[in-house]
Amino acid sequence: MEDEDAPDAWIKAIKDEQDTVLPSTCEDVKDHLQRALHVKIPVNDRLFQIMSTKNSTGELSSMLDKLFEPEPRETLSDITAAVLREVIDPLGSGSESATEDTYHHLWDSVIAMLLRLVTDGNFRRNTNASSSTGAYRPDLCFYGMNSNVCVFRGEEKASGELDVPVKELHEKLTWRYDDAPYVFGYAAVGLLVCLVAIRKDEKTGSGAKAEKIETYNLGSLKGRLSFFLALLNLSTLFQPVVDLIQPLGIPEYITIKRSNGVQIEFAEDCVVKTYPQSMPSDDIIRNLRELHRLMKKHSVPNVVELKKTNMKEKYVRLTPIGLLSPPENAQQLLMALRDILQALVVLHAINLMHRDLRWENVLKYSDEGDKWFLIDFDEGTSSPAAKVTHLKAESHAPEILSSSSHTVKVDIWSVGYLLMTSPFQDLPPQLESIKSQCLQKNPSSRPTAESLLTVIESLIES
């Protein structure tokens, strides 16, 4: 039986409460946010006195009853005390000269860190670096427990009209949340915070629209308490929303830094890849431009598309954003191999090769069922090519590192490597045979992409 006298019982109660029926309208959501807590929060004498003093007119009484135990305790846990200090007696942040950075402590403490505490989720604050690349990411993303979905996002400004960050929450968003009726967000301008439900825009089918739930003034105790209650109740809706969304391979809007210094930024509708000073970025970007020009000219299917390059800032912008979702069964493996080989047939016909085929570079389209595409053509080049020394021997054809030159047959070896490293290990006999043929040491003994595609398509049809 739950001990409601435990110092942090209110936190456990919120974590354990997951609503199975989601509110349908914004008014229903608003009603949900105004509910009294099932397990009330304890307060100590000092905080109790602060609230009592500021409640001389009785305007806080209803809110206090919904949130707190009726009598103060002698002591609080460190966790509860820290949370309540930020809500009841925070540091000031409201000067006219305040910048967006000035408010970050307030926004993070009363929003992101609170939600992390009561949901076991996590948050990521994005930098303004994305603005230089033209890639949109929310200022703050909150992810539910064990989820890559940004179920709650924030747009923030130090000053101005609240409608500006509200618009930013949805105008560039591509709806990818399946059957979820909404995800949530907040728009903050200084001390004003508006909670928002973000829904699919049925007119466009792929866009989104924002519906304001309620606006709160964090400059007053009443506003902070109302917002505190609203967020606690809102957090109980996160997991039911996430459960309606197909799992994503990587967290939305994440930035990954590879060991070689390359930074990969996942934005709303594109991926931005930025190269470090230590790499020959100009040569890499020029090579990518030419490869993608040729791929576009010859209509190579199932490959990532280069949308923009910037030599000065050393980045490229690519689309679409795929799912890191390797095939899970024999049928999916056949479909993935078909899509890969369809690309290789055309690439090899124009003497181009990828040279770095691994499951990390084969992504699933997010909206086209069992369909995959190739990414990361940084190692791509024309065939034949001279040997290289920087690629790993265990994941690349032997002749890439050992022979004076190599051809498109290195990609065929990589098809065998994909079969060897497939998450689906119990390969049918036909695929075991293909794997062995592709991994032959002698490049001339390996099949062609065209012959492999014929075999794979016949296996799909059988």
Protein backbone atom coordinates (compact mmCIF):
# COMPACT_ATOMS: atom_id res chain seq x y z
CA MET A 1 0.00 0.00 0.00
CA GLU A 2 1.31 3.45 -0.91
CA ASP A 3 2.61 5.50 2.03
CA GLU A 4 1.16 8.96 1.50
CA ASP A 5 3.20 10.25 4.47
CA ALA A 6 6.50 9.45 2.75
CA PRO A 7 8.35 12.72 2.05
CA ASP A 8 8.22 12.39 -1.74
CA ALA A 9 5.02 10.35 -2.08
CA TRP A 10 3.52 13.06 -4.30
CA ILE A 11 6.24 12.47 -6.91
CA LYS A 12 5.64 8.72 -6.98
CA ALA A 13 1.89 9.27 -7.24
CA ILE A 14 2.31 11.47 -10.32
CA LYS A 15 4.71 8.99 -11.94
CA ASP A 16 2.30 6.13 -11.29
CA GLU A 17 -0.76 7.96 -12.62
CA GLN A 18 -1.05 7.43 -16.35
CA ASP A 19 -4.39 8.29 -17.88
CA THR A 20 -5.70 5.69 -20.31
CA VAL A 21 -8.28 7.99 -21.93
CA LEU A 22 -6.81 11.19 -23.32
CA PRO A 23 -8.84 14.43 -23.14
CA SER A 24 -10.18 15.17 -26.61
CA THR A 25 -10.64 18.95 -26.75
CA CYS A 26 -8.51 21.80 -25.44
CA GLU A 27 -11.21 22.55 -22.88
CA ASP A 28 -11.00 18.94 -21.69
CA VAL A 29 -7.21 19.25 -21.44
CA LYS A 30 -7.61 22.50 -19.51
CA ASP A 31 -9.99 20.80 -17.06
CA HIS A 32 -7.45 18.00 -16.64
CA LEU A 33 -4.71 20.51 -15.82
CA GLN A 34 -6.81 22.12 -13.08
CA ARG A 35 -7.47 18.88 -11.16
CA ALA A 36 -6.42 18.57 -7.53
CA LEU A 37 -3.47 16.27 -6.92
CA HIS A 38 -4.38 12.82 -5.61
CA VAL A 39 -1.46 12.94 -3.18
CA LYS A 40 -0.80 16.43 -1.83
CA ILE A 41 2.64 18.00 -1.53
CA PRO A 42 4.06 18.67 1.95
CA VAL A 43 5.35 22.15 2.86
CA ASN A 44 7.48 23.34 5.77
CA ASP A 45 6.74 26.24 8.13
CA ARG A 46 8.73 28.84 6.19
CA LEU A 47 7.06 28.17 2.84
CA PHE A 48 3.67 27.80 4.53
CA GLN A 49 4.08 31.27 6.05
CA ILE A 50 5.11 32.82 2.71
CA MET A 51 2.00 31.45 1.04
CA SER A 52 -0.28 32.38 3.94
CA THR A 53 1.03 35.95 3.92
CA LYS A 54 0.39 36.28 0.18
CA ASN A 55 -3.07 34.78 0.55
CA SER A 56 -4.51 37.55 2.72
CA THR A 57 -7.41 38.01 0.28
CA GLY A 58 -8.06 34.27 -0.07
CA GLU A 59 -7.46 34.24 -3.84
CA LEU A 60 -4.90 31.44 -3.49
CA SER A 61 -6.99 29.21 -1.23
CA SER A 62 -8.43 27.00 -3.96
CA MET A 63 -5.03 26.49 -5.58
CA LEU A 64 -3.34 25.76 -2.24
CA ASP A 65 -6.00 23.15 -1.43
CA LYS A 66 -5.39 21.41 -4.78
CA LEU A 67 -1.62 21.28 -4.33
CA PHE A 68 -0.59 21.10 -0.69
CA GLU A 69 -1.19 19.30 2.56
CA PRO A 70 -3.32 21.42 4.93
CA GLU A 71 -0.74 21.58 7.73
CA PRO A 72 3.01 22.26 7.48
CA ARG A 73 5.61 19.64 8.32
CA GLU A 74 8.72 20.28 10.38
CA THR A 75 11.05 19.08 7.61
CA LEU A 76 10.94 18.34 3.90
CA SER A 77 13.08 16.11 1.74
CA ASP A 78 15.82 17.94 -0.14
CA ILE A 79 14.06 17.14 -3.42
CA THR A 80 10.67 18.53 -2.41
CA ALA A 81 12.25 21.58 -0.75
CA ALA A 82 14.25 22.40 -3.90
CA VAL A 83 11.16 22.11 -6.13
CA LEU A 84 9.02 24.31 -3.89
CA ARG A 85 11.69 26.99 -3.52
CA GLU A 86 11.66 27.51 -7.29
CA VAL A 87 7.87 27.73 -7.37
CA ILE A 88 7.08 29.65 -4.19
CA ASP A 89 10.17 31.79 -3.63
CA PRO A 90 12.26 31.92 -6.85
CA LEU A 91 15.11 34.21 -7.77
CA GLY A 92 13.93 37.28 -9.69
CA SER A 93 14.28 37.31 -13.49
CA GLY A 94 12.08 40.13 -14.63
CA SER A 95 14.22 43.17 -15.38
CA GLU A 96 13.59 45.06 -18.59
CA SER A 97 17.16 44.39 -19.74
CA ALA A 98 16.81 40.63 -19.29
CA THR A 99 17.88 38.48 -22.22
CA GLU A 100 16.69 35.03 -23.24
CA ASP A 101 19.67 33.52 -21.38
CA THR A 102 18.59 35.39 -18.23
CA TYR A 103 15.32 33.46 -18.19
CA HIS A 104 16.82 30.03 -18.91
CA HIS A 105 17.27 29.22 -15.23
CA LEU A 106 13.64 30.07 -14.49
CA TRP A 107 12.26 28.20 -17.50
CA ASP A 108 14.44 25.16 -16.88
CA SER A 109 13.74 24.96 -13.14
CA VAL A 110 9.95 25.37 -13.29
CA ILE A 111 9.47 23.43 -16.54
CA ALA A 112 12.17 21.05 -17.76
CA MET A 113 13.74 19.98 -14.47
CA LEU A 114 10.35 19.59 -12.81
CA LEU A 115 9.10 17.36 -15.64
CA ARG A 116 12.28 15.29 -15.51
CA LEU A 117 11.68 14.72 -11.80
CA VAL A 118 8.06 13.58 -12.06
CA THR A 119 8.29 11.53 -15.28
CA ASP A 120 11.86 10.14 -15.39
CA GLY A 121 12.05 11.66 -18.87
CA ASN A 122 14.81 13.93 -20.10
CA PHE A 123 15.23 17.23 -21.87
CA ARG A 124 17.59 18.77 -24.38
CA ARG A 125 18.14 22.48 -24.81
CA ASN A 126 19.14 23.35 -28.36
CA THR A 127 21.54 26.11 -29.24
CA ASN A 128 21.04 28.88 -31.77
CA ALA A 129 23.65 27.32 -34.06
CA SER A 130 20.88 25.79 -36.17
CA SER A 131 19.73 29.24 -37.28
CA SER A 132 22.89 29.71 -39.36
CA THR A 133 22.22 26.48 -41.25
CA GLY A 134 18.54 27.18 -41.82
CA ALA A 135 17.58 24.08 -39.83
CA TYR A 136 14.69 24.43 -37.41
CA ARG A 137 14.73 22.86 -33.95
CA PRO A 138 12.69 23.89 -30.90
CA ASP A 139 14.53 25.75 -28.14
CA LEU A 140 13.78 22.93 -25.72
CA CYS A 141 12.71 19.33 -26.25
CA PHE A 142 11.37 17.08 -23.52
CA TYR A 143 11.35 13.33 -24.12
CA GLY A 144 9.18 10.92 -22.18
CA MET A 145 10.75 8.04 -20.26
CA ASN A 146 12.55 5.62 -22.62
CA SER A 147 11.20 7.54 -25.60
CA ASN A 148 12.80 9.37 -28.52
CA VAL A 149 9.63 11.39 -29.12
CA CYS A 150 9.73 15.10 -28.29
CA VAL A 151 6.34 14.96 -26.56
CA PHE A 152 6.71 18.46 -25.09
CA ARG A 153 8.64 21.28 -26.75
CA GLY A 154 9.28 24.91 -26.03
CA GLU A 155 9.90 28.13 -27.94
CA GLU A 156 11.25 31.01 -25.87
CA LYS A 157 11.79 34.76 -26.21
CA ALA A 158 13.00 37.38 -23.74
CA SER A 159 10.43 39.91 -24.97
CA GLY A 160 7.82 40.53 -27.64
CA GLU A 161 4.44 39.09 -28.53
CA LEU A 162 3.46 35.64 -27.26
CA ASP A 163 2.01 34.73 -30.65
CA VAL A 164 5.53 34.68 -32.15
CA PRO A 165 6.81 31.63 -30.23
CA VAL A 166 3.35 30.02 -30.44
CA LYS A 167 3.62 30.20 -34.23
CA GLU A 168 7.16 28.83 -34.17
CA LEU A 169 5.91 25.74 -32.34
CA HIS A 170 3.93 24.54 -35.33
CA GLU A 171 4.61 26.44 -38.56
CA LYS A 172 7.66 24.37 -39.59
CA LEU A 173 6.62 21.14 -37.93
CA THR A 174 6.05 18.02 -40.03
CA TRP A 175 3.45 15.81 -38.37
CA ARG A 176 5.01 12.40 -37.68
CA TYR A 177 3.04 11.34 -34.64
CA ASP A 178 0.74 8.72 -36.13
CA ASP A 179 -2.53 8.33 -34.21
CA ALA A 180 -1.67 10.62 -31.30
CA PRO A 181 -4.31 13.39 -31.07
CA TYR A 182 -1.63 15.91 -30.11
CA VAL A 183 1.77 16.55 -28.64
CA PHE A 184 2.35 19.42 -26.22
CA GLY A 185 4.37 22.60 -26.14
CA TYR A 186 4.90 25.88 -24.38
CA ALA A 187 5.59 29.36 -25.67
CA ALA A 188 7.46 31.64 -23.27
CA VAL A 189 8.03 35.38 -23.49
CA GLY A 190 9.81 36.48 -20.36
CA LEU A 191 7.56 35.62 -17.43
CA LEU A 192 4.53 34.75 -19.58
CA VAL A 193 4.15 31.08 -20.50
CA CYS A 194 1.41 29.63 -22.69
CA LEU A 195 0.73 25.89 -22.75
CA VAL A 196 -0.24 24.61 -26.19
CA ALA A 197 -1.67 21.46 -27.76
CA ILE A 198 -0.06 20.83 -31.16
CA ARG A 199 -2.29 18.87 -33.51
CA LYS A 200 -2.12 17.54 -37.04
CA ASP A 201 -3.37 20.07 -39.57
CA GLU A 202 -6.02 18.11 -41.45
CA LYS A 203 -6.02 20.70 -44.26
CA THR A 204 -2.41 20.00 -45.23
CA GLY A 205 -2.24 16.41 -43.97
CA SER A 206 1.42 16.75 -43.02
CA GLY A 207 1.60 20.08 -41.21
CA ALA A 208 0.53 21.05 -37.72
CA LYS A 209 -1.49 23.67 -35.89
CA ALA A 210 -1.36 24.98 -32.33
CA GLU A 211 -4.26 25.42 -29.93
CA LYS A 212 -3.65 27.53 -26.83
CA ILE A 213 -4.66 25.83 -23.59
CA GLU A 214 -3.88 28.50 -21.00
CA THR A 215 -1.44 31.36 -20.34
CA TYR A 216 0.31 31.84 -16.99
CA ASN A 217 2.23 34.76 -15.46
CA LEU A 218 5.26 33.43 -13.60
CA GLY A 219 5.79 36.87 -12.11
CA SER A 220 3.08 36.23 -9.50
CA LEU A 221 2.76 33.47 -6.92
CA LYS A 222 -0.74 32.68 -8.15
CA GLY A 223 0.55 32.31 -11.70
CA ARG A 224 3.44 30.08 -10.64
CA LEU A 225 1.21 27.85 -8.53
CA SER A 226 -1.35 27.54 -11.34
CA PHE A 227 1.41 26.66 -13.79
CA PHE A 228 2.97 24.21 -11.32
CA LEU A 229 -0.33 22.35 -10.94
CA ALA A 230 -0.93 22.40 -14.69
CA LEU A 231 2.48 20.90 -15.50
CA LEU A 232 2.15 18.16 -12.91
CA ASN A 233 -1.21 17.14 -14.35
CA LEU A 234 0.02 17.54 -17.94
CA SER A 235 2.90 15.15 -17.27
CA THR A 236 0.43 12.30 -16.67
CA LEU A 237 -0.62 12.56 -20.33
CA PHE A 238 2.88 12.20 -21.81
CA GLN A 239 3.16 8.41 -21.77
CA PRO A 240 -0.35 7.76 -23.15
CA VAL A 241 0.48 10.12 -26.05
CA VAL A 242 3.86 8.48 -26.70
CA ASP A 243 2.25 5.03 -26.68
CA LEU A 244 0.26 6.03 -29.78
CA ILE A 245 3.40 6.98 -31.74
CA GLN A 246 5.64 4.60 -33.68
CA PRO A 247 9.04 4.35 -31.93
CA LEU A 248 11.71 6.54 -33.52
CA GLY A 249 15.21 5.25 -34.17
CA ILE A 250 16.90 8.32 -32.71
CA PRO A 251 15.69 11.16 -30.47
CA GLU A 252 14.02 13.98 -32.38
CA TYR A 253 16.16 17.08 -32.89
CA ILE A 254 19.28 15.45 -31.48
CA THR A 255 22.84 16.51 -32.33
CA ILE A 256 25.40 13.73 -32.72
CA LYS A 257 29.14 14.31 -32.74
CA ARG A 258 31.10 11.51 -34.35
CA SER A 259 34.59 10.49 -33.27
CA ASN A 260 36.07 12.17 -36.36
CA GLY A 261 34.57 15.51 -35.31
CA VAL A 262 31.69 15.55 -37.81
CA GLN A 263 28.54 17.01 -36.22
CA ILE A 264 25.16 15.71 -37.36
CA GLU A 265 22.17 17.83 -36.41
CA PHE A 266 18.67 16.42 -36.82
CA ALA A 267 16.28 19.28 -37.54
CA GLU A 268 12.58 19.36 -38.39
CA ASP A 269 12.71 18.16 -41.99
CA CYS A 270 16.41 17.72 -42.74
CA VAL A 271 19.78 16.62 -41.44
CA VAL A 272 22.63 19.12 -41.25
CA LYS A 273 26.13 17.71 -41.38
CA THR A 274 28.95 20.04 -40.32
CA TYR A 275 32.61 19.19 -40.89
CA PRO A 276 35.44 20.14 -38.49
CA GLN A 277 38.45 22.29 -39.39
CA SER A 278 40.63 19.19 -39.15
CA MET A 279 38.97 17.58 -42.18
CA PRO A 280 39.35 18.52 -45.87
CA SER A 281 35.77 19.76 -45.85
CA ASP A 282 36.04 21.70 -49.11
CA ASP A 283 37.06 18.54 -50.98
CA ILE A 284 34.35 16.49 -49.26
CA ILE A 285 31.62 19.01 -50.06
CA ARG A 286 32.76 19.41 -53.68
CA ASN A 287 32.73 15.63 -54.07
CA LEU A 288 29.25 15.40 -52.56
CA ARG A 289 27.97 18.11 -54.90
CA GLU A 290 29.23 16.20 -57.94
CA LEU A 291 28.00 12.81 -56.73
CA HIS A 292 24.53 14.12 -55.97
CA ARG A 293 24.42 16.03 -59.25
CA LEU A 294 25.09 12.80 -61.11
CA MET A 295 22.65 10.80 -58.98
CA LYS A 296 19.92 13.35 -59.64
CA LYS A 297 20.71 13.45 -63.37
CA HIS A 298 20.45 9.66 -63.63
CA SER A 299 17.48 9.32 -61.23
CA VAL A 300 19.20 7.02 -58.76
CA PRO A 301 16.41 5.68 -56.52
CA ASN A 302 16.43 5.21 -52.76
CA VAL A 303 19.20 7.66 -51.89
CA VAL A 304 19.37 10.69 -49.62
CA GLU A 305 19.00 14.05 -51.37
CA LEU A 306 21.47 16.92 -51.05
CA LYS A 307 19.48 20.14 -50.54
CA LYS A 308 22.14 22.73 -49.75
CA THR A 309 25.89 23.13 -49.30
CA ASN A 310 27.86 25.91 -47.62
CA MET A 311 31.63 25.92 -48.08
CA LYS A 312 32.16 28.87 -45.74
CA GLU A 313 30.27 27.34 -42.80
CA LYS A 314 31.41 23.82 -43.81
CA TYR A 315 28.02 22.12 -43.77
CA VAL A 316 25.63 20.27 -46.05
CA ARG A 317 21.89 19.89 -45.63
CA LEU A 318 20.27 16.58 -46.56
CA THR A 319 16.76 15.17 -46.68
CA PRO A 320 14.71 13.18 -45.75
CA ILE A 321 15.19 12.25 -42.11
CA GLY A 322 14.98 8.48 -41.98
CA LEU A 323 14.56 5.98 -39.18
CA LEU A 324 17.49 3.92 -37.95
CA SER A 325 15.39 0.79 -38.16
CA PRO A 326 17.20 -2.26 -39.57
CA PRO A 327 14.98 -5.10 -40.83
CA GLU A 328 13.52 -7.32 -38.12
CA ASN A 329 12.55 -10.40 -40.13
CA ALA A 330 13.30 -12.19 -43.39
CA GLN A 331 10.64 -10.36 -45.39
CA GLN A 332 11.84 -6.94 -44.26
CA LEU A 333 15.42 -7.96 -45.00
CA LEU A 334 14.45 -8.85 -48.56
CA MET A 335 12.68 -5.50 -48.99
CA ALA A 336 15.70 -3.60 -47.66
CA LEU A 337 18.07 -5.51 -49.96
CA ARG A 338 15.80 -4.78 -52.91
CA ASP A 339 15.88 -1.04 -52.18
CA ILE A 340 19.66 -1.05 -51.69
CA LEU A 341 20.27 -3.01 -54.88
CA GLN A 342 17.92 -0.80 -56.90
CA ALA A 343 20.19 2.11 -55.95
CA LEU A 344 23.39 0.16 -56.65
CA VAL A 345 22.23 -0.97 -60.09
CA VAL A 346 21.95 2.63 -61.29
CA LEU A 347 25.03 3.84 -59.37
CA HIS A 348 27.21 1.10 -60.83
CA ALA A 349 25.84 1.69 -64.33
CA ILE A 350 27.29 5.21 -64.19
CA ASN A 351 30.50 3.98 -62.48
CA LEU A 352 29.75 5.39 -59.04
CA MET A 353 30.19 3.50 -55.78
CA HIS A 354 29.10 4.17 -52.22
CA ARG A 355 32.03 2.37 -50.48
CA ASP A 356 30.58 2.57 -46.97
CA LEU A 357 27.47 0.37 -46.92
CA ARG A 358 26.64 -0.51 -43.31
CA TRP A 359 23.28 -0.66 -41.54
CA GLU A 360 24.12 2.72 -39.98
CA ASN A 361 23.96 4.12 -43.52
CA VAL A 362 20.72 2.39 -44.53
CA LEU A 363 17.68 4.18 -43.13
CA LYS A 364 13.99 3.45 -43.33
CA TYR A 365 11.64 6.04 -44.80
CA SER A 366 9.46 7.33 -41.99
CA ASP A 367 6.24 7.40 -44.01
CA GLU A 368 6.54 4.73 -46.73
CA GLY A 369 6.17 1.42 -44.92
CA ASP A 370 8.92 -1.15 -45.46
CA LYS A 371 11.14 0.97 -47.69
CA TRP A 372 14.79 1.91 -47.12
CA PHE A 373 17.31 4.35 -48.60
CA LEU A 374 21.07 4.97 -48.59
CA ILE A 375 22.72 7.86 -46.77
CA ASP A 376 26.25 9.16 -46.13
CA PHE A 377 28.00 9.36 -49.49
CA ASP A 378 31.11 10.96 -47.94
CA GLU A 379 33.19 7.98 -49.12
CA GLY A 380 31.43 7.81 -52.48
CA THR A 381 33.51 8.17 -55.62
CA SER A 382 33.84 7.09 -59.23
CA SER A 383 35.06 3.64 -60.20
CA PRO A 384 37.87 2.60 -60.35
CA ALA A 385 39.52 4.38 -57.43
CA ALA A 386 42.87 4.22 -55.66
CA LYS A 387 43.17 2.45 -52.31
CA VAL A 388 42.41 4.28 -49.08
CA THR A 389 43.81 3.78 -45.58
CA HIS A 390 41.27 5.41 -43.25
CA LEU A 391 38.42 2.87 -43.51
CA LYS A 392 38.05 -0.08 -41.14
CA ALA A 393 39.14 -3.45 -42.53
CA GLU A 394 36.44 -5.43 -40.71
CA SER A 395 33.57 -3.52 -42.34
CA HIS A 396 34.95 -2.84 -45.83
CA ALA A 397 36.01 -4.94 -48.80
CA PRO A 398 39.63 -6.12 -48.48
CA GLU A 399 40.79 -4.59 -51.76
CA ILE A 400 39.85 -1.07 -50.61
CA LEU A 401 42.80 -1.11 -48.22
CA SER A 402 45.17 -3.62 -49.82
CA SER A 403 45.01 -3.29 -53.62
CA SER A 404 46.28 -0.45 -55.75
CA SER A 405 42.74 0.16 -56.98
CA HIS A 406 39.18 -1.05 -56.50
CA THR A 407 35.87 -0.96 -58.36
CA VAL A 408 32.12 -1.06 -57.76
CA LYS A 409 32.60 -4.64 -56.56
CA VAL A 410 33.40 -3.23 -53.11
CA ASP A 411 29.70 -2.40 -52.77
CA ILE A 412 28.81 -6.01 -53.59
CA TRP A 413 31.11 -7.18 -50.78
CA SER A 414 29.23 -4.74 -48.55
CA VAL A 415 25.89 -6.37 -49.46
CA GLY A 416 27.36 -9.57 -48.02
CA TYR A 417 28.51 -7.61 -44.98
CA LEU A 418 24.96 -6.28 -44.51
CA LEU A 419 23.68 -9.86 -44.54
CA MET A 420 26.41 -10.93 -42.11
CA THR A 421 25.57 -8.13 -39.66
CA SER A 422 21.81 -8.16 -40.07
CA PRO A 423 19.89 -8.03 -36.76
CA PHE A 424 17.88 -10.91 -38.22
CA GLN A 425 20.41 -13.73 -37.88
CA ASP A 426 18.51 -16.83 -39.03
CA LEU A 427 19.04 -16.28 -42.74
CA PRO A 428 17.14 -18.47 -45.22
CA PRO A 429 19.43 -20.74 -47.32
CA GLN A 430 19.07 -18.50 -50.39
CA LEU A 431 20.35 -15.46 -48.48
CA GLU A 432 23.18 -17.48 -46.92
CA SER A 433 24.24 -18.37 -50.46
CA ILE A 434 24.08 -14.72 -51.57
CA LYS A 435 26.13 -13.69 -48.53
CA SER A 436 28.87 -16.19 -49.40
CA GLN A 437 28.96 -15.08 -53.03
CA CYS A 438 29.22 -11.40 -52.11
CA LEU A 439 31.97 -11.89 -49.51
CA GLN A 440 34.35 -13.70 -51.86
CA LYS A 441 37.85 -12.26 -51.64
CA ASN A 442 38.29 -12.10 -55.41
CA PRO A 443 36.20 -9.13 -56.63
CA SER A 444 35.66 -10.65 -60.08
CA SER A 445 34.00 -13.69 -58.48
CA ARG A 446 31.30 -11.59 -56.85
CA PRO A 447 27.92 -11.17 -58.57
CA THR A 448 26.68 -7.88 -60.00
CA ALA A 449 24.08 -5.64 -58.42
CA GLU A 450 21.77 -6.35 -61.35
CA SER A 451 21.96 -10.14 -60.96
CA LEU A 452 21.46 -9.87 -57.20
CA LEU A 453 18.42 -7.64 -57.66
CA THR A 454 16.85 -10.22 -59.97
CA VAL A 455 17.31 -12.95 -57.35
CA ILE A 456 16.00 -10.81 -54.49
CA GLU A 457 12.91 -9.72 -56.45
CA SER A 458 12.11 -13.35 -57.27
CA LEU A 459 12.43 -14.26 -53.58
CA ILE A 460 10.03 -11.44 -52.65
CA GLU A 461 7.49 -12.66 -55.18
CA SER A 462 7.75 -16.33 -54.17
